[in-house]
Amino acid sequence: GLSGGQRQRLLLARALLADPPVLVLDEPAEALDPVAADALVRDLLAAPGGGTLLLVTHRLAALDAADEVVVLDRGRVVQRGRHGELLAVAGAYRDLWEAELLAA
């Protein structure tokens, strides 16, 4: 049988091949190791297709390729912008980024 990570990648590939107008992925890299998870998120953001990808994740390392990052805190939008813009100002995104770097 397939491992959890293999099964997850197969399901993602099927979803991408369907090329839906909107694809919502909630923690798609959860079952993967950090290096594979970051690579997967980058690949998802670079994947061709005409639709919109809404990616819910706590892994920030690969979000530099995102068109827009929306930061939620308790269900409210507290910041939005591009990865570099959000790192340039004090706020929740930069705090999360620094915490992720320390944990790595």
N, C-alpha and C. Protein backbone atom coordinates (compact mmCIF):
# COMPACT_ATOMS: atom_id res chain seq x y z
N GLY A 1 0.80 -1.19 0.00
CA GLY A 1 0.00 0.00 0.00
C GLY A 1 0.86 1.26 0.00
N LEU A 2 0.20 2.35 -0.08
CA LEU A 2 0.86 3.65 -0.10
C LEU A 2 1.06 4.18 1.31
N SER A 3 2.16 4.89 1.51
CA SER A 3 2.37 5.57 2.79
C SER A 3 1.44 6.78 2.84
N GLY A 4 1.33 7.38 4.02
CA GLY A 4 0.48 8.57 4.17
C GLY A 4 0.93 9.70 3.25
N GLY A 5 2.24 9.92 3.16
CA GLY A 5 2.76 10.98 2.30
C GLY A 5 2.52 10.69 0.83
N GLN A 6 2.70 9.42 0.42
CA GLN A 6 2.46 9.05 -0.98
C GLN A 6 0.99 9.21 -1.34
N ARG A 7 0.13 8.78 -0.43
CA ARG A 7 -1.32 8.91 -0.68
C ARG A 7 -1.71 10.38 -0.81
N GLN A 8 -1.14 11.21 0.06
CA GLN A 8 -1.45 12.63 0.03
C GLN A 8 -0.98 13.26 -1.29
N ARG A 9 0.22 12.90 -1.74
CA ARG A 9 0.73 13.44 -3.01
C ARG A 9 -0.13 12.98 -4.19
N LEU A 10 -0.59 11.74 -4.16
CA LEU A 10 -1.45 11.23 -5.22
C LEU A 10 -2.77 12.00 -5.26
N LEU A 11 -3.36 12.25 -4.11
CA LEU A 11 -4.61 13.01 -4.05
C LEU A 11 -4.40 14.45 -4.54
N LEU A 12 -3.27 15.05 -4.20
CA LEU A 12 -2.97 16.41 -4.68
C LEU A 12 -2.81 16.42 -6.19
N ALA A 13 -2.11 15.43 -6.73
CA ALA A 13 -1.92 15.36 -8.18
C ALA A 13 -3.27 15.24 -8.89
N ARG A 14 -4.15 14.42 -8.36
CA ARG A 14 -5.48 14.27 -8.96
C ARG A 14 -6.26 15.58 -8.92
N ALA A 15 -6.16 16.29 -7.81
CA ALA A 15 -6.86 17.58 -7.68
C ALA A 15 -6.30 18.60 -8.68
N LEU A 16 -4.98 18.62 -8.83
CA LEU A 16 -4.36 19.57 -9.76
C LEU A 16 -4.71 19.24 -11.21
N LEU A 17 -4.74 17.96 -11.55
CA LEU A 17 -5.08 17.56 -12.91
C LEU A 17 -6.52 17.93 -13.27
N ALA A 18 -7.39 17.97 -12.29
CA ALA A 18 -8.79 18.36 -12.54
C ALA A 18 -8.89 19.84 -12.88
N ASP A 19 -7.88 20.64 -12.51
CA ASP A 19 -7.82 22.08 -12.78
C ASP A 19 -9.13 22.80 -12.44
N PRO A 20 -9.55 22.70 -11.18
CA PRO A 20 -10.80 23.38 -10.79
C PRO A 20 -10.61 24.90 -10.78
N PRO A 21 -11.69 25.67 -10.87
CA PRO A 21 -11.55 27.13 -10.83
C PRO A 21 -11.01 27.61 -9.49
N VAL A 22 -11.36 26.92 -8.40
CA VAL A 22 -10.83 27.24 -7.07
C VAL A 22 -10.46 25.92 -6.40
N LEU A 23 -9.22 25.86 -5.91
CA LEU A 23 -8.75 24.67 -5.19
C LEU A 23 -8.36 25.11 -3.78
N VAL A 24 -9.01 24.54 -2.78
CA VAL A 24 -8.72 24.86 -1.38
C VAL A 24 -7.97 23.68 -0.79
N LEU A 25 -6.77 23.96 -0.27
CA LEU A 25 -5.95 22.93 0.35
C LEU A 25 -5.65 23.33 1.78
N ASP A 26 -6.00 22.48 2.71
CA ASP A 26 -5.79 22.74 4.13
C ASP A 26 -4.63 21.88 4.61
N GLU A 27 -3.50 22.52 4.90
CA GLU A 27 -2.28 21.84 5.36
C GLU A 27 -1.93 20.66 4.46
N PRO A 28 -1.70 20.90 3.15
CA PRO A 28 -1.45 19.79 2.23
C PRO A 28 -0.13 19.06 2.48
N ALA A 29 0.79 19.67 3.21
CA ALA A 29 2.10 19.06 3.44
C ALA A 29 2.23 18.49 4.85
N GLU A 30 1.14 18.35 5.55
CA GLU A 30 1.16 17.96 6.96
C GLU A 30 1.87 16.62 7.20
N ALA A 31 1.71 15.64 6.31
CA ALA A 31 2.29 14.32 6.53
C ALA A 31 3.73 14.20 6.01
N LEU A 32 4.30 15.30 5.55
CA LEU A 32 5.63 15.25 4.94
C LEU A 32 6.69 15.83 5.87
N ASP A 33 7.95 15.45 5.62
CA ASP A 33 9.04 16.04 6.38
C ASP A 33 9.21 17.49 5.93
N PRO A 34 9.89 18.34 6.73
CA PRO A 34 9.96 19.78 6.42
C PRO A 34 10.50 20.11 5.03
N VAL A 35 11.54 19.42 4.57
CA VAL A 35 12.11 19.72 3.25
C VAL A 35 11.11 19.38 2.16
N ALA A 36 10.50 18.20 2.24
CA ALA A 36 9.51 17.80 1.25
C ALA A 36 8.27 18.70 1.31
N ALA A 37 7.89 19.11 2.52
CA ALA A 37 6.72 19.98 2.69
C ALA A 37 6.94 21.32 2.00
N ASP A 38 8.11 21.92 2.21
CA ASP A 38 8.40 23.21 1.58
C ASP A 38 8.45 23.08 0.06
N ALA A 39 9.05 21.99 -0.43
CA ALA A 39 9.11 21.76 -1.88
C ALA A 39 7.70 21.59 -2.45
N LEU A 40 6.85 20.87 -1.75
CA LEU A 40 5.48 20.67 -2.22
C LEU A 40 4.72 21.99 -2.31
N VAL A 41 4.83 22.82 -1.29
CA VAL A 41 4.13 24.11 -1.31
C VAL A 41 4.64 24.97 -2.45
N ARG A 42 5.95 25.01 -2.66
CA ARG A 42 6.50 25.78 -3.78
C ARG A 42 5.98 25.25 -5.12
N ASP A 43 5.95 23.93 -5.26
CA ASP A 43 5.44 23.33 -6.49
C ASP A 43 3.96 23.66 -6.70
N LEU A 44 3.18 23.62 -5.64
CA LEU A 44 1.76 23.97 -5.75
C LEU A 44 1.58 25.41 -6.21
N LEU A 45 2.38 26.31 -5.65
CA LEU A 45 2.25 27.73 -6.01
C LEU A 45 2.72 28.00 -7.43
N ALA A 46 3.62 27.15 -7.94
CA ALA A 46 4.14 27.35 -9.30
C ALA A 46 3.38 26.53 -10.34
N ALA A 47 2.47 25.68 -9.91
CA ALA A 47 1.76 24.79 -10.84
C ALA A 47 0.95 25.59 -11.84
N PRO A 48 1.02 25.17 -13.11
CA PRO A 48 0.20 25.85 -14.11
C PRO A 48 -1.27 25.54 -13.88
N GLY A 49 -2.08 26.40 -14.34
CA GLY A 49 -3.52 26.22 -14.20
C GLY A 49 -4.18 27.58 -14.16
N GLY A 50 -5.41 27.61 -14.55
CA GLY A 50 -6.11 28.88 -14.63
C GLY A 50 -6.87 29.25 -13.39
N GLY A 51 -6.86 28.37 -12.39
CA GLY A 51 -7.69 28.61 -11.22
C GLY A 51 -6.96 29.31 -10.09
N THR A 52 -7.69 29.47 -9.01
CA THR A 52 -7.19 30.09 -7.79
C THR A 52 -6.85 29.00 -6.79
N LEU A 53 -5.71 29.14 -6.13
CA LEU A 53 -5.30 28.22 -5.08
C LEU A 53 -5.39 28.94 -3.75
N LEU A 54 -6.20 28.41 -2.86
CA LEU A 54 -6.30 28.92 -1.50
C LEU A 54 -5.61 27.90 -0.61
N LEU A 55 -4.48 28.28 -0.06
CA LEU A 55 -3.64 27.37 0.71
C LEU A 55 -3.68 27.77 2.17
N VAL A 56 -4.15 26.86 3.01
CA VAL A 56 -4.18 27.08 4.45
C VAL A 56 -2.97 26.35 5.01
N THR A 57 -2.05 27.07 5.66
CA THR A 57 -0.84 26.43 6.16
C THR A 57 -0.25 27.21 7.32
N HIS A 58 0.47 26.48 8.15
CA HIS A 58 1.27 27.10 9.19
C HIS A 58 2.74 27.14 8.78
N ARG A 59 3.08 26.52 7.65
CA ARG A 59 4.46 26.50 7.15
C ARG A 59 4.66 27.72 6.26
N LEU A 60 5.49 28.64 6.70
CA LEU A 60 5.66 29.89 5.98
C LEU A 60 6.83 29.88 5.01
N ALA A 61 7.74 28.93 5.14
CA ALA A 61 9.00 28.95 4.40
C ALA A 61 8.81 29.06 2.89
N ALA A 62 7.78 28.47 2.35
CA ALA A 62 7.61 28.45 0.90
C ALA A 62 6.65 29.52 0.38
N LEU A 63 6.14 30.37 1.25
CA LEU A 63 5.13 31.34 0.82
C LEU A 63 5.70 32.55 0.08
N ASP A 64 7.01 32.57 -0.11
CA ASP A 64 7.60 33.68 -0.88
C ASP A 64 7.09 33.69 -2.31
N ALA A 65 6.57 32.58 -2.80
CA ALA A 65 6.06 32.51 -4.17
C ALA A 65 4.56 32.83 -4.26
N ALA A 66 3.91 33.05 -3.14
CA ALA A 66 2.47 33.33 -3.16
C ALA A 66 2.18 34.74 -3.66
N ASP A 67 1.09 34.89 -4.40
CA ASP A 67 0.68 36.22 -4.86
C ASP A 67 0.25 37.09 -3.70
N GLU A 68 -0.41 36.49 -2.73
CA GLU A 68 -0.86 37.24 -1.55
C GLU A 68 -0.93 36.29 -0.36
N VAL A 69 -0.52 36.80 0.78
CA VAL A 69 -0.60 36.06 2.04
C VAL A 69 -1.59 36.80 2.92
N VAL A 70 -2.54 36.06 3.47
CA VAL A 70 -3.52 36.63 4.39
C VAL A 70 -3.30 35.96 5.74
N VAL A 71 -3.03 36.77 6.76
CA VAL A 71 -2.74 36.25 8.10
C VAL A 71 -3.99 36.41 8.96
N LEU A 72 -4.43 35.29 9.52
CA LEU A 72 -5.61 35.30 10.39
C LEU A 72 -5.19 35.07 11.84
N ASP A 73 -5.88 35.73 12.73
CA ASP A 73 -5.71 35.50 14.16
C ASP A 73 -7.11 35.44 14.77
N ARG A 74 -7.45 34.27 15.28
CA ARG A 74 -8.78 34.04 15.86
C ARG A 74 -9.90 34.38 14.87
N GLY A 75 -9.68 34.02 13.62
CA GLY A 75 -10.71 34.21 12.60
C GLY A 75 -10.76 35.58 11.97
N ARG A 76 -9.88 36.48 12.37
CA ARG A 76 -9.87 37.84 11.81
C ARG A 76 -8.59 38.08 11.01
N VAL A 77 -8.72 38.81 9.91
CA VAL A 77 -7.56 39.17 9.11
C VAL A 77 -6.78 40.24 9.87
N VAL A 78 -5.52 39.93 10.18
CA VAL A 78 -4.68 40.89 10.90
C VAL A 78 -3.59 41.48 10.00
N GLN A 79 -3.27 40.80 8.91
CA GLN A 79 -2.30 41.32 7.94
C GLN A 79 -2.59 40.68 6.59
N ARG A 80 -2.20 41.37 5.55
CA ARG A 80 -2.23 40.79 4.21
C ARG A 80 -1.22 41.52 3.35
N GLY A 81 -0.64 40.80 2.41
CA GLY A 81 0.36 41.35 1.52
C GLY A 81 1.24 40.24 0.98
N ARG A 82 2.31 40.62 0.34
CA ARG A 82 3.27 39.63 -0.16
C ARG A 82 4.23 39.26 0.96
N HIS A 83 4.86 38.13 0.82
CA HIS A 83 5.77 37.59 1.83
C HIS A 83 6.80 38.64 2.27
N GLY A 84 7.50 39.24 1.33
CA GLY A 84 8.53 40.22 1.67
C GLY A 84 7.98 41.45 2.36
N GLU A 85 6.82 41.90 1.92
CA GLU A 85 6.18 43.06 2.56
C GLU A 85 5.83 42.77 4.01
N LEU A 86 5.33 41.58 4.27
CA LEU A 86 4.92 41.22 5.62
C LEU A 86 6.12 41.02 6.54
N LEU A 87 7.23 40.56 5.99
CA LEU A 87 8.44 40.41 6.81
C LEU A 87 9.07 41.76 7.15
N ALA A 88 8.79 42.76 6.32
CA ALA A 88 9.42 44.08 6.50
C ALA A 88 8.80 44.89 7.63
N VAL A 89 7.64 44.47 8.12
CA VAL A 89 6.98 45.23 9.18
C VAL A 89 6.74 44.33 10.39
N ALA A 90 6.74 44.94 11.56
CA ALA A 90 6.44 44.19 12.77
C ALA A 90 5.00 43.71 12.71
N GLY A 91 4.77 42.48 13.09
CA GLY A 91 3.41 41.96 13.09
C GLY A 91 3.39 40.46 13.24
N ALA A 92 2.21 39.91 13.15
CA ALA A 92 2.00 38.48 13.38
C ALA A 92 2.79 37.62 12.40
N TYR A 93 2.85 38.01 11.12
CA TYR A 93 3.55 37.19 10.13
C TYR A 93 5.03 37.11 10.45
N ARG A 94 5.63 38.24 10.72
CA ARG A 94 7.06 38.23 11.04
C ARG A 94 7.32 37.43 12.32
N ASP A 95 6.44 37.55 13.31
CA ASP A 95 6.59 36.77 14.54
C ASP A 95 6.54 35.27 14.25
N LEU A 96 5.59 34.86 13.42
CA LEU A 96 5.49 33.44 13.05
C LEU A 96 6.72 32.99 12.26
N TRP A 97 7.19 33.84 11.36
CA TRP A 97 8.38 33.54 10.56
C TRP A 97 9.59 33.31 11.45
N GLU A 98 9.79 34.22 12.40
CA GLU A 98 10.94 34.10 13.30
C GLU A 98 10.82 32.85 14.17
N ALA A 99 9.62 32.51 14.61
CA ALA A 99 9.41 31.30 15.40
C ALA A 99 9.71 30.05 14.57
N GLU A 100 9.32 30.07 13.29
CA GLU A 100 9.59 28.93 12.41
C GLU A 100 11.09 28.76 12.20
N LEU A 101 11.80 29.87 12.04
CA LEU A 101 13.26 29.79 11.86
C LEU A 101 13.93 29.22 13.10
N LEU A 102 13.48 29.62 14.27
CA LEU A 102 14.07 29.12 15.52
C LEU A 102 13.79 27.63 15.71
N ALA A 103 12.65 27.18 15.24
CA ALA A 103 12.27 25.77 15.41
C ALA A 103 13.00 24.85 14.43
N ALA A 104 13.53 25.42 13.35
CA ALA A 104 14.17 24.60 12.31
C ALA A 104 15.53 24.09 12.72
